[in-house]
Amino acid sequence: MLVGRAFGWMLIIAAIAVLAGDISAWADTGALTFTATGELWFTLHSGSLNLLQAITQRYIFPALWDPIFVTVLLWPAFAVFGVPGLILSYTCRRRPLLHPKPA
């Protein structure tokens, strides 16, 4: 539970950082555009993105790349990080221990 909660919070922090960058760019340019997940990934490490595409198309299932992976890579990065982060943080949260009431 602790690992899931920690990973969830890391994803939430990443989502907030990406959203802050998008808002900062909006303040500079006056146009609100969200950073796509694929664009962010390509900026951070393009080689791993190209490797994922090659492995998916050659060895796993070629039709999996275009409709599924490409769609997710076009989504805003803050949502791709934030939604799983919120789900992990919520499902791995601390729950109070249930003690039976004394008779």
PDB file of N, CA and C in Angstrom:
ATOM      1  N   MET A   1       0.817  -1.200   0.000  1.00  0.00           N
ATOM      2  CA  MET A   1       0.000   0.000   0.000  1.00  0.00           C
ATOM      3  C   MET A   1       0.859   1.262   0.000  1.00  0.00           C
ATOM      4  N   LEU A   2       1.947   1.224   0.755  1.00  0.00           N
ATOM      5  CA  LEU A   2       2.817   2.393   0.840  1.00  0.00           C
ATOM      6  C   LEU A   2       3.452   2.706  -0.511  1.00  0.00           C
ATOM      7  N   VAL A   3       3.866   1.672  -1.231  1.00  0.00           N
ATOM      8  CA  VAL A   3       4.490   1.882  -2.539  1.00  0.00           C
ATOM      9  C   VAL A   3       3.477   2.464  -3.528  1.00  0.00           C
ATOM     10  N   GLY A   4       2.264   1.936  -3.530  1.00  0.00           N
ATOM     11  CA  GLY A   4       1.231   2.454  -4.419  1.00  0.00           C
ATOM     12  C   GLY A   4       0.881   3.896  -4.108  1.00  0.00           C
ATOM     13  N   ARG A   5       0.779   4.214  -2.831  1.00  0.00           N
ATOM     14  CA  ARG A   5       0.461   5.582  -2.429  1.00  0.00           C
ATOM     15  C   ARG A   5       1.601   6.529  -2.805  1.00  0.00           C
ATOM     16  N   ALA A   6       2.853   6.110  -2.586  1.00  0.00           N
ATOM     17  CA  ALA A   6       4.006   6.948  -2.935  1.00  0.00           C
ATOM     18  C   ALA A   6       4.089   7.162  -4.446  1.00  0.00           C
ATOM     19  N   PHE A   7       3.873   6.100  -5.217  1.00  0.00           N
ATOM     20  CA  PHE A   7       3.905   6.236  -6.671  1.00  0.00           C
ATOM     21  C   PHE A   7       2.761   7.127  -7.155  1.00  0.00           C
ATOM     22  N   GLY A   8       1.595   7.000  -6.525  1.00  0.00           N
ATOM     23  CA  GLY A   8       0.472   7.856  -6.870  1.00  0.00           C
ATOM     24  C   GLY A   8       0.782   9.324  -6.632  1.00  0.00           C
ATOM     25  N   TRP A   9       1.419   9.608  -5.499  1.00  0.00           N
ATOM     26  CA  TRP A   9       1.775  10.999  -5.203  1.00  0.00           C
ATOM     27  C   TRP A   9       2.849  11.515  -6.152  1.00  0.00           C
ATOM     28  N   MET A  10       3.773  10.659  -6.565  1.00  0.00           N
ATOM     29  CA  MET A  10       4.775  11.081  -7.548  1.00  0.00           C
ATOM     30  C   MET A  10       4.114  11.434  -8.880  1.00  0.00           C
ATOM     31  N   LEU A  11       3.121  10.644  -9.283  1.00  0.00           N
ATOM     32  CA  LEU A  11       2.401  10.953 -10.519  1.00  0.00           C
ATOM     33  C   LEU A  11       1.619  12.257 -10.395  1.00  0.00           C
ATOM     34  N   ILE A  12       1.022  12.494  -9.235  1.00  0.00           N
ATOM     35  CA  ILE A  12       0.285  13.746  -9.021  1.00  0.00           C
ATOM     36  C   ILE A  12       1.234  14.937  -9.076  1.00  0.00           C
ATOM     37  N   ILE A  13       2.398  14.816  -8.460  1.00  0.00           N
ATOM     38  CA  ILE A  13       3.380  15.902  -8.497  1.00  0.00           C
ATOM     39  C   ILE A  13       3.857  16.152  -9.923  1.00  0.00           C
ATOM     40  N   ALA A  14       4.065  15.088 -10.697  1.00  0.00           N
ATOM     41  CA  ALA A  14       4.462  15.248 -12.101  1.00  0.00           C
ATOM     42  C   ALA A  14       3.358  15.943 -12.892  1.00  0.00           C
ATOM     43  N   ALA A  15       2.100  15.575 -12.630  1.00  0.00           N
ATOM     44  CA  ALA A  15       0.980  16.205 -13.326  1.00  0.00           C
ATOM     45  C   ALA A  15       0.903  17.695 -12.994  1.00  0.00           C
ATOM     46  N   ILE A  16       1.117  18.032 -11.732  1.00  0.00           N
ATOM     47  CA  ILE A  16       1.085  19.440 -11.324  1.00  0.00           C
ATOM     48  C   ILE A  16       2.230  20.205 -11.977  1.00  0.00           C
ATOM     49  N   ALA A  17       3.413  19.587 -12.068  1.00  0.00           N
ATOM     50  CA  ALA A  17       4.551  20.250 -12.698  1.00  0.00           C
ATOM     51  C   ALA A  17       4.293  20.513 -14.183  1.00  0.00           C
ATOM     52  N   VAL A  18       3.734  19.529 -14.864  1.00  0.00           N
ATOM     53  CA  VAL A  18       3.438  19.708 -16.293  1.00  0.00           C
ATOM     54  C   VAL A  18       2.360  20.778 -16.482  1.00  0.00           C
ATOM     55  N   LEU A  19       1.332  20.746 -15.642  1.00  0.00           N
ATOM     56  CA  LEU A  19       0.262  21.741 -15.737  1.00  0.00           C
ATOM     57  C   LEU A  19       0.802  23.133 -15.423  1.00  0.00           C
ATOM     58  N   ALA A  20       1.709  23.251 -14.460  1.00  0.00           N
ATOM     59  CA  ALA A  20       2.320  24.545 -14.151  1.00  0.00           C
ATOM     60  C   ALA A  20       3.116  25.069 -15.342  1.00  0.00           C
ATOM     61  N   GLY A  21       3.818  24.164 -16.031  1.00  0.00           N
ATOM     62  CA  GLY A  21       4.538  24.572 -17.239  1.00  0.00           C
ATOM     63  C   GLY A  21       3.597  25.039 -18.339  1.00  0.00           C
ATOM     64  N   ASP A  22       2.468  24.354 -18.478  1.00  0.00           N
ATOM     65  CA  ASP A  22       1.479  24.768 -19.480  1.00  0.00           C
ATOM     66  C   ASP A  22       0.877  26.131 -19.139  1.00  0.00           C
ATOM     67  N   ILE A  23       0.599  26.356 -17.854  1.00  0.00           N
ATOM     68  CA  ILE A  23       0.042  27.647 -17.434  1.00  0.00           C
ATOM     69  C   ILE A  23       1.073  28.753 -17.596  1.00  0.00           C
ATOM     70  N   SER A  24       2.330  28.446 -17.321  1.00  0.00           N
ATOM     71  CA  SER A  24       3.395  29.422 -17.522  1.00  0.00           C
ATOM     72  C   SER A  24       3.526  29.797 -18.998  1.00  0.00           C
ATOM     73  N   ALA A  25       3.446  28.809 -19.871  1.00  0.00           N
ATOM     74  CA  ALA A  25       3.499  29.087 -21.308  1.00  0.00           C
ATOM     75  C   ALA A  25       2.289  29.892 -21.748  1.00  0.00           C
ATOM     76  N   TRP A  26       1.135  29.633 -21.134  1.00  0.00           N
ATOM     77  CA  TRP A  26      -0.079  30.389 -21.438  1.00  0.00           C
ATOM     78  C   TRP A  26       0.098  31.853 -21.043  1.00  0.00           C
ATOM     79  N   ALA A  27       0.732  32.093 -19.895  1.00  0.00           N
ATOM     80  CA  ALA A  27       0.962  33.465 -19.452  1.00  0.00           C
ATOM     81  C   ALA A  27       1.914  34.195 -20.395  1.00  0.00           C
ATOM     82  N   ASP A  28       2.879  33.467 -20.961  1.00  0.00           N
ATOM     83  CA  ASP A  28       3.848  34.091 -21.869  1.00  0.00           C
ATOM     84  C   ASP A  28       3.273  34.338 -23.252  1.00  0.00           C
ATOM     85  N   THR A  29       2.544  33.356 -23.790  1.00  0.00           N
ATOM     86  CA  THR A  29       2.081  33.456 -25.173  1.00  0.00           C
ATOM     87  C   THR A  29       0.654  33.956 -25.309  1.00  0.00           C
ATOM     88  N   GLY A  30      -0.158  33.755 -24.294  1.00  0.00           N
ATOM     89  CA  GLY A  30      -1.563  34.147 -24.373  1.00  0.00           C
ATOM     90  C   GLY A  30      -2.445  33.074 -24.988  1.00  0.00           C
ATOM     91  N   ALA A  31      -1.864  31.956 -25.384  1.00  0.00           N
ATOM     92  CA  ALA A  31      -2.634  30.851 -25.960  1.00  0.00           C
ATOM     93  C   ALA A  31      -2.485  29.633 -25.064  1.00  0.00           C
ATOM     94  N   LEU A  32      -3.616  29.097 -24.612  1.00  0.00           N
ATOM     95  CA  LEU A  32      -3.587  27.931 -23.735  1.00  0.00           C
ATOM     96  C   LEU A  32      -3.523  26.662 -24.574  1.00  0.00           C
ATOM     97  N   THR A  33      -2.384  26.001 -24.531  1.00  0.00           N
ATOM     98  CA  THR A  33      -2.208  24.709 -25.179  1.00  0.00           C
ATOM     99  C   THR A  33      -1.593  23.765 -24.163  1.00  0.00           C
ATOM    100  N   PHE A  34      -2.107  22.556 -24.130  1.00  0.00           N
ATOM    101  CA  PHE A  34      -1.609  21.571 -23.194  1.00  0.00           C
ATOM    102  C   PHE A  34      -0.554  20.721 -23.873  1.00  0.00           C
ATOM    103  N   THR A  35       0.475  20.373 -23.134  1.00  0.00           N
ATOM    104  CA  THR A  35       1.551  19.541 -23.648  1.00  0.00           C
ATOM    105  C   THR A  35       1.049  18.114 -23.812  1.00  0.00           C
ATOM    106  N   ALA A  36       1.192  17.579 -25.004  1.00  0.00           N
ATOM    107  CA  ALA A  36       0.796  16.195 -25.258  1.00  0.00           C
ATOM    108  C   ALA A  36       1.805  15.253 -24.615  1.00  0.00           C
ATOM    109  N   THR A  37       1.347  14.086 -24.225  1.00  0.00           N
ATOM    110  CA  THR A  37       2.205  13.111 -23.574  1.00  0.00           C
ATOM    111  C   THR A  37       3.346  12.694 -24.498  1.00  0.00           C
ATOM    112  N   GLY A  38       3.058  12.471 -25.756  1.00  0.00           N
ATOM    113  CA  GLY A  38       4.099  12.092 -26.709  1.00  0.00           C
ATOM    114  C   GLY A  38       5.129  13.191 -26.912  1.00  0.00           C
ATOM    115  N   GLU A  39       4.677  14.429 -26.917  1.00  0.00           N
ATOM    116  CA  GLU A  39       5.595  15.555 -27.060  1.00  0.00           C
ATOM    117  C   GLU A  39       6.536  15.645 -25.854  1.00  0.00           C
ATOM    118  N   LEU A  40       5.975  15.474 -24.656  1.00  0.00           N
ATOM    119  CA  LEU A  40       6.789  15.507 -23.449  1.00  0.00           C
ATOM    120  C   LEU A  40       7.781  14.354 -23.431  1.00  0.00           C
ATOM    121  N   TRP A  41       7.309  13.167 -23.778  1.00  0.00           N
ATOM    122  CA  TRP A  41       8.181  11.996 -23.800  1.00  0.00           C
ATOM    123  C   TRP A  41       9.301  12.177 -24.815  1.00  0.00           C
ATOM    124  N   PHE A  42       8.966  12.703 -26.003  1.00  0.00           N
ATOM    125  CA  PHE A  42       9.975  12.917 -27.039  1.00  0.00           C
ATOM    126  C   PHE A  42      11.002  13.947 -26.582  1.00  0.00           C
ATOM    127  N   THR A  43      10.552  14.969 -25.871  1.00  0.00           N
ATOM    128  CA  THR A  43      11.465  15.985 -25.369  1.00  0.00           C
ATOM    129  C   THR A  43      12.404  15.411 -24.315  1.00  0.00           C
ATOM    130  N   LEU A  44      11.867  14.573 -23.422  1.00  0.00           N
ATOM    131  CA  LEU A  44      12.683  14.037 -22.330  1.00  0.00           C
ATOM    132  C   LEU A  44      13.627  12.936 -22.789  1.00  0.00           C
ATOM    133  N   HIS A  45      13.129  12.003 -23.622  1.00  0.00           N
ATOM    134  CA  HIS A  45      13.970  10.883 -24.053  1.00  0.00           C
ATOM    135  C   HIS A  45      13.370  10.265 -25.314  1.00  0.00           C
ATOM    136  N   SER A  46      13.749  10.785 -26.458  1.00  0.00           N
ATOM    137  CA  SER A  46      13.156  10.346 -27.715  1.00  0.00           C
ATOM    138  C   SER A  46      13.526   8.908 -28.068  1.00  0.00           C
ATOM    139  N   GLY A  47      14.684   8.458 -27.636  1.00  0.00           N
ATOM    140  CA  GLY A  47      15.116   7.106 -27.981  1.00  0.00           C
ATOM    141  C   GLY A  47      14.207   6.037 -27.407  1.00  0.00           C
ATOM    142  N   SER A  48      13.741   6.236 -26.170  1.00  0.00           N
ATOM    143  CA  SER A  48      12.869   5.225 -25.567  1.00  0.00           C
ATOM    144  C   SER A  48      11.492   5.216 -26.223  1.00  0.00           C
ATOM    145  N   LEU A  49      11.032   6.378 -26.684  1.00  0.00           N
ATOM    146  CA  LEU A  49       9.756   6.423 -27.397  1.00  0.00           C
ATOM    147  C   LEU A  49       9.861   5.676 -28.721  1.00  0.00           C
ATOM    148  N   ASN A  50      10.943   5.880 -29.436  1.00  0.00           N
ATOM    149  CA  ASN A  50      11.158   5.166 -30.697  1.00  0.00           C
ATOM    150  C   ASN A  50      11.320   3.668 -30.462  1.00  0.00           C
ATOM    151  N   LEU A  51      11.985   3.297 -29.369  1.00  0.00           N
ATOM    152  CA  LEU A  51      12.150   1.887 -29.034  1.00  0.00           C
ATOM    153  C   LEU A  51      10.812   1.240 -28.707  1.00  0.00           C
ATOM    154  N   LEU A  52       9.961   1.945 -27.966  1.00  0.00           N
ATOM    155  CA  LEU A  52       8.629   1.411 -27.652  1.00  0.00           C
ATOM    156  C   LEU A  52       7.830   1.172 -28.928  1.00  0.00           C
ATOM    157  N   GLN A  53       7.903   2.104 -29.857  1.00  0.00           N
ATOM    158  CA  GLN A  53       7.176   1.935 -31.110  1.00  0.00           C
ATOM    159  C   GLN A  53       7.711   0.737 -31.893  1.00  0.00           C
ATOM    160  N   ALA A  54       9.016   0.612 -31.971  1.00  0.00           N
ATOM    161  CA  ALA A  54       9.600  -0.500 -32.725  1.00  0.00           C
ATOM    162  C   ALA A  54       9.251  -1.841 -32.096  1.00  0.00           C
ATOM    163  N   ILE A  55       9.357  -1.955 -30.792  1.00  0.00           N
ATOM    164  CA  ILE A  55       9.048  -3.221 -30.118  1.00  0.00           C
ATOM    165  C   ILE A  55       7.578  -3.566 -30.268  1.00  0.00           C
ATOM    166  N   THR A  56       6.711  -2.560 -30.110  1.00  0.00           N
ATOM    167  CA  THR A  56       5.272  -2.811 -30.220  1.00  0.00           C
ATOM    168  C   THR A  56       4.901  -3.260 -31.627  1.00  0.00           C
ATOM    169  N   GLN A  57       5.431  -2.583 -32.634  1.00  0.00           N
ATOM    170  CA  GLN A  57       5.049  -2.906 -34.001  1.00  0.00           C
ATOM    171  C   GLN A  57       5.712  -4.185 -34.521  1.00  0.00           C
ATOM    172  N   ARG A  58       6.892  -4.501 -34.050  1.00  0.00           N
ATOM    173  CA  ARG A  58       7.586  -5.681 -34.578  1.00  0.00           C
ATOM    174  C   ARG A  58       7.299  -6.955 -33.802  1.00  0.00           C
ATOM    175  N   TYR A  59       7.245  -6.849 -32.482  1.00  0.00           N
ATOM    176  CA  TYR A  59       7.228  -8.064 -31.675  1.00  0.00           C
ATOM    177  C   TYR A  59       5.926  -8.312 -30.915  1.00  0.00           C
ATOM    178  N   ILE A  60       5.196  -7.277 -30.574  1.00  0.00           N
ATOM    179  CA  ILE A  60       4.006  -7.488 -29.757  1.00  0.00           C
ATOM    180  C   ILE A  60       2.771  -7.623 -30.640  1.00  0.00           C
ATOM    181  N   PHE A  61       2.301  -6.496 -31.182  1.00  0.00           N
ATOM    182  CA  PHE A  61       1.113  -6.517 -32.039  1.00  0.00           C
ATOM    183  C   PHE A  61       1.083  -5.199 -32.809  1.00  0.00           C
ATOM    184  N   PRO A  62       1.302  -5.211 -34.107  1.00  0.00           N
ATOM    185  CA  PRO A  62       1.427  -3.969 -34.869  1.00  0.00           C
ATOM    186  C   PRO A  62       0.208  -3.056 -34.772  1.00  0.00           C
ATOM    187  N   ALA A  63      -0.981  -3.628 -34.741  1.00  0.00           N
ATOM    188  CA  ALA A  63      -2.186  -2.790 -34.708  1.00  0.00           C
ATOM    189  C   ALA A  63      -2.398  -2.135 -33.346  1.00  0.00           C
ATOM    190  N   LEU A  64      -1.641  -2.531 -32.357  1.00  0.00           N
ATOM    191  CA  LEU A  64      -1.764  -1.948 -31.023  1.00  0.00           C
ATOM    192  C   LEU A  64      -1.187  -0.538 -30.982  1.00  0.00           C
ATOM    193  N   TRP A  65      -0.192  -0.268 -31.816  1.00  0.00           N
ATOM    194  CA  TRP A  65       0.476   1.028 -31.759  1.00  0.00           C
ATOM    195  C   TRP A  65      -0.433   2.160 -32.204  1.00  0.00           C
ATOM    196  N   ASP A  66      -1.006   2.025 -33.414  1.00  0.00           N
ATOM    197  CA  ASP A  66      -1.715   3.178 -33.981  1.00  0.00           C
ATOM    198  C   ASP A  66      -3.013   3.514 -33.254  1.00  0.00           C
ATOM    199  N   PRO A  67      -3.929   2.648 -33.034  1.00  0.00           N
ATOM    200  CA  PRO A  67      -5.147   3.153 -32.396  1.00  0.00           C
ATOM    201  C   PRO A  67      -5.002   3.403 -30.895  1.00  0.00           C
ATOM    202  N   ILE A  68      -4.181   2.637 -30.191  1.00  0.00           N
ATOM    203  CA  ILE A  68      -4.159   2.751 -28.730  1.00  0.00           C
ATOM    204  C   ILE A  68      -3.028   3.654 -28.256  1.00  0.00           C
ATOM    205  N   PHE A  69      -1.782   3.301 -28.555  1.00  0.00           N
ATOM    206  CA  PHE A  69      -0.649   4.079 -28.069  1.00  0.00           C
ATOM    207  C   PHE A  69      -0.652   5.502 -28.608  1.00  0.00           C
ATOM    208  N   VAL A  70      -0.944   5.663 -29.876  1.00  0.00           N
ATOM    209  CA  VAL A  70      -0.943   7.004 -30.460  1.00  0.00           C
ATOM    210  C   VAL A  70      -2.031   7.871 -29.821  1.00  0.00           C
ATOM    211  N   THR A  71      -3.167   7.290 -29.532  1.00  0.00           N
ATOM    212  CA  THR A  71      -4.240   8.042 -28.887  1.00  0.00           C
ATOM    213  C   THR A  71      -3.808   8.534 -27.512  1.00  0.00           C
ATOM    214  N   VAL A  72      -3.197   7.675 -26.725  1.00  0.00           N
ATOM    215  CA  VAL A  72      -2.739   8.071 -25.392  1.00  0.00           C
ATOM    216  C   VAL A  72      -1.620   9.103 -25.486  1.00  0.00           C
ATOM    217  N   LEU A  73      -0.744   8.963 -26.465  1.00  0.00           N
ATOM    218  CA  LEU A  73       0.342   9.924 -26.627  1.00  0.00           C
ATOM    219  C   LEU A  73      -0.155  11.302 -27.050  1.00  0.00           C
ATOM    220  N   LEU A  74      -1.354  11.389 -27.584  1.00  0.00           N
ATOM    221  CA  LEU A  74      -1.919  12.678 -27.966  1.00  0.00           C
ATOM    222  C   LEU A  74      -2.704  13.346 -26.836  1.00  0.00           C
ATOM    223  N   TRP A  75      -2.989  12.614 -25.770  1.00  0.00           N
ATOM    224  CA  TRP A  75      -3.704  13.193 -24.627  1.00  0.00           C
ATOM    225  C   TRP A  75      -2.803  14.159 -23.877  1.00  0.00           C
ATOM    226  N   PRO A  76      -3.401  15.118 -23.159  1.00  0.00           N
ATOM    227  CA  PRO A  76      -2.587  16.034 -22.341  1.00  0.00           C
ATOM    228  C   PRO A  76      -1.806  15.271 -21.273  1.00  0.00           C
ATOM    229  N   ALA A  77      -0.555  15.646 -21.092  1.00  0.00           N
ATOM    230  CA  ALA A  77       0.325  14.926 -20.169  1.00  0.00           C
ATOM    231  C   ALA A  77      -0.148  15.044 -18.725  1.00  0.00           C
ATOM    232  N   PHE A  78      -0.723  16.194 -18.347  1.00  0.00           N
ATOM    233  CA  PHE A  78      -1.163  16.334 -16.959  1.00  0.00           C
ATOM    234  C   PHE A  78      -2.284  15.347 -16.641  1.00  0.00           C
ATOM    235  N   ALA A  79      -3.115  15.026 -17.618  1.00  0.00           N
ATOM    236  CA  ALA A  79      -4.193  14.061 -17.391  1.00  0.00           C
ATOM    237  C   ALA A  79      -3.662  12.631 -17.355  1.00  0.00           C
ATOM    238  N   VAL A  80      -2.693  12.326 -18.209  1.00  0.00           N
ATOM    239  CA  VAL A  80      -2.131  10.980 -18.241  1.00  0.00           C
ATOM    240  C   VAL A  80      -1.385  10.672 -16.944  1.00  0.00           C
ATOM    241  N   PHE A  81      -0.779  11.678 -16.348  1.00  0.00           N
ATOM    242  CA  PHE A  81      -0.117  11.484 -15.055  1.00  0.00           C
ATOM    243  C   PHE A  81      -1.094  11.619 -13.893  1.00  0.00           C
ATOM    244  N   GLY A  82      -1.987  12.580 -13.971  1.00  0.00           N
ATOM    245  CA  GLY A  82      -2.847  12.910 -12.840  1.00  0.00           C
ATOM    246  C   GLY A  82      -3.921  11.891 -12.527  1.00  0.00           C
ATOM    247  N   VAL A  83      -4.589  11.384 -13.543  1.00  0.00           N
ATOM    248  CA  VAL A  83      -5.693  10.440 -13.300  1.00  0.00           C
ATOM    249  C   VAL A  83      -5.200   9.146 -12.649  1.00  0.00           C
ATOM    250  N   PRO A  84      -4.167   8.485 -13.186  1.00  0.00           N
ATOM    251  CA  PRO A  84      -3.678   7.294 -12.475  1.00  0.00           C
ATOM    252  C   PRO A  84      -3.124   7.632 -11.090  1.00  0.00           C
ATOM    253  N   GLY A  85      -2.528   8.807 -10.945  1.00  0.00           N
ATOM    254  CA  GLY A  85      -2.017   9.213  -9.644  1.00  0.00           C
ATOM    255  C   GLY A  85      -3.121   9.363  -8.618  1.00  0.00           C
ATOM    256  N   LEU A  86      -4.223   9.973  -9.024  1.00  0.00           N
ATOM    257  CA  LEU A  86      -5.361  10.113  -8.108  1.00  0.00           C
ATOM    258  C   LEU A  86      -5.968   8.757  -7.768  1.00  0.00           C
ATOM    259  N   ILE A  87      -6.080   7.886  -8.765  1.00  0.00           N
ATOM    260  CA  ILE A  87      -6.651   6.561  -8.518  1.00  0.00           C
ATOM    261  C   ILE A  87      -5.763   5.763  -7.567  1.00  0.00           C
ATOM    262  N   LEU A  88      -4.449   5.777  -7.786  1.00  0.00           N
ATOM    263  CA  LEU A  88      -3.536   5.055  -6.899  1.00  0.00           C
ATOM    264  C   LEU A  88      -3.547   5.630  -5.489  1.00  0.00           C
ATOM    265  N   SER A  89      -3.537   6.942  -5.388  1.00  0.00           N
ATOM    266  CA  SER A  89      -3.537   7.565  -4.068  1.00  0.00           C
ATOM    267  C   SER A  89      -4.809   7.249  -3.306  1.00  0.00           C
ATOM    268  N   TYR A  90      -5.914   7.179  -4.009  1.00  0.00           N
ATOM    269  CA  TYR A  90      -7.183   6.899  -3.340  1.00  0.00           C
ATOM    270  C   TYR A  90      -7.306   5.426  -2.952  1.00  0.00           C
ATOM    271  N   THR A  91      -6.960   4.538  -3.871  1.00  0.00           N
ATOM    272  CA  THR A  91      -7.130   3.112  -3.576  1.00  0.00           C
ATOM    273  C   THR A  91      -6.091   2.592  -2.580  1.00  0.00           C
ATOM    274  N   CYS A  92      -4.941   3.250  -2.484  1.00  0.00           N
ATOM    275  CA  CYS A  92      -3.899   2.807  -1.558  1.00  0.00           C
ATOM    276  C   CYS A  92      -3.847   3.675  -0.299  1.00  0.00           C
ATOM    277  N   ARG A  93      -4.883   4.408  -0.028  1.00  0.00           N
ATOM    278  CA  ARG A  93      -4.886   5.291   1.135  1.00  0.00           C
ATOM    279  C   ARG A  93      -4.943   4.485   2.425  1.00  0.00           C
ATOM    280  N   ARG A  94      -4.589   5.158   3.500  1.00  0.00           N
ATOM    281  CA  ARG A  94      -4.685   4.526   4.815  1.00  0.00           C
ATOM    282  C   ARG A  94      -6.141   4.479   5.224  1.00  0.00           C
ATOM    283  N   ARG A  95      -6.539   3.357   5.687  1.00  0.00           N
ATOM    284  CA  ARG A  95      -7.909   3.195   6.147  1.00  0.00           C
ATOM    285  C   ARG A  95      -7.874   2.958   7.653  1.00  0.00           C
ATOM    286  N   PRO A  96      -8.829   3.497   8.368  1.00  0.00           N
ATOM    287  CA  PRO A  96      -8.832   3.281   9.809  1.00  0.00           C
ATOM    288  C   PRO A  96      -9.106   1.807  10.126  1.00  0.00           C
ATOM    289  N   LEU A  97      -8.471   1.339  11.158  1.00  0.00           N
ATOM    290  CA  LEU A  97      -8.688  -0.033  11.584  1.00  0.00           C
ATOM    291  C   LEU A  97     -10.070  -0.153  12.195  1.00  0.00           C
ATOM    292  N   LEU A  98     -10.735  -1.215  11.867  1.00  0.00           N
ATOM    293  CA  LEU A  98     -12.062  -1.432  12.405  1.00  0.00           C
ATOM    294  C   LEU A  98     -11.939  -2.270  13.668  1.00  0.00           C
ATOM    295  N   HIS A  99     -12.215  -1.667  14.789  1.00  0.00           N
ATOM    296  CA  HIS A  99     -12.184  -2.368  16.069  1.00  0.00           C
ATOM    297  C   HIS A  99     -13.603  -2.662  16.498  1.00  0.00           C
ATOM    298  N   PRO A 100     -13.850  -3.852  16.963  1.00  0.00           N
ATOM    299  CA  PRO A 100     -15.206  -4.149  17.454  1.00  0.00           C
ATOM    300  C   PRO A 100     -15.491  -3.319  18.712  1.00  0.00           C
ATOM    301  N   LYS A 101     -16.720  -2.885  18.810  1.00  0.00           N
ATOM    302  CA  LYS A 101     -17.132  -2.098  19.987  1.00  0.00           C
ATOM    303  C   LYS A 101     -17.263  -3.035  21.190  1.00  0.00           C
ATOM    304  N   PRO A 102     -16.804  -2.552  22.330  1.00  0.00           N
ATOM    305  CA  PRO A 102     -16.948  -3.399  23.512  1.00  0.00           C
ATOM    306  C   PRO A 102     -18.421  -3.572  23.876  1.00  0.00           C
ATOM    307  N   ALA A 103     -18.748  -4.728  24.405  1.00  0.00           N
ATOM    308  CA  ALA A 103     -20.134  -5.038  24.746  1.00  0.00           C
ATOM    309  C   ALA A 103     -20.589  -4.400  26.030  1.00  0.00           C
TER     310      ALA A 103
END
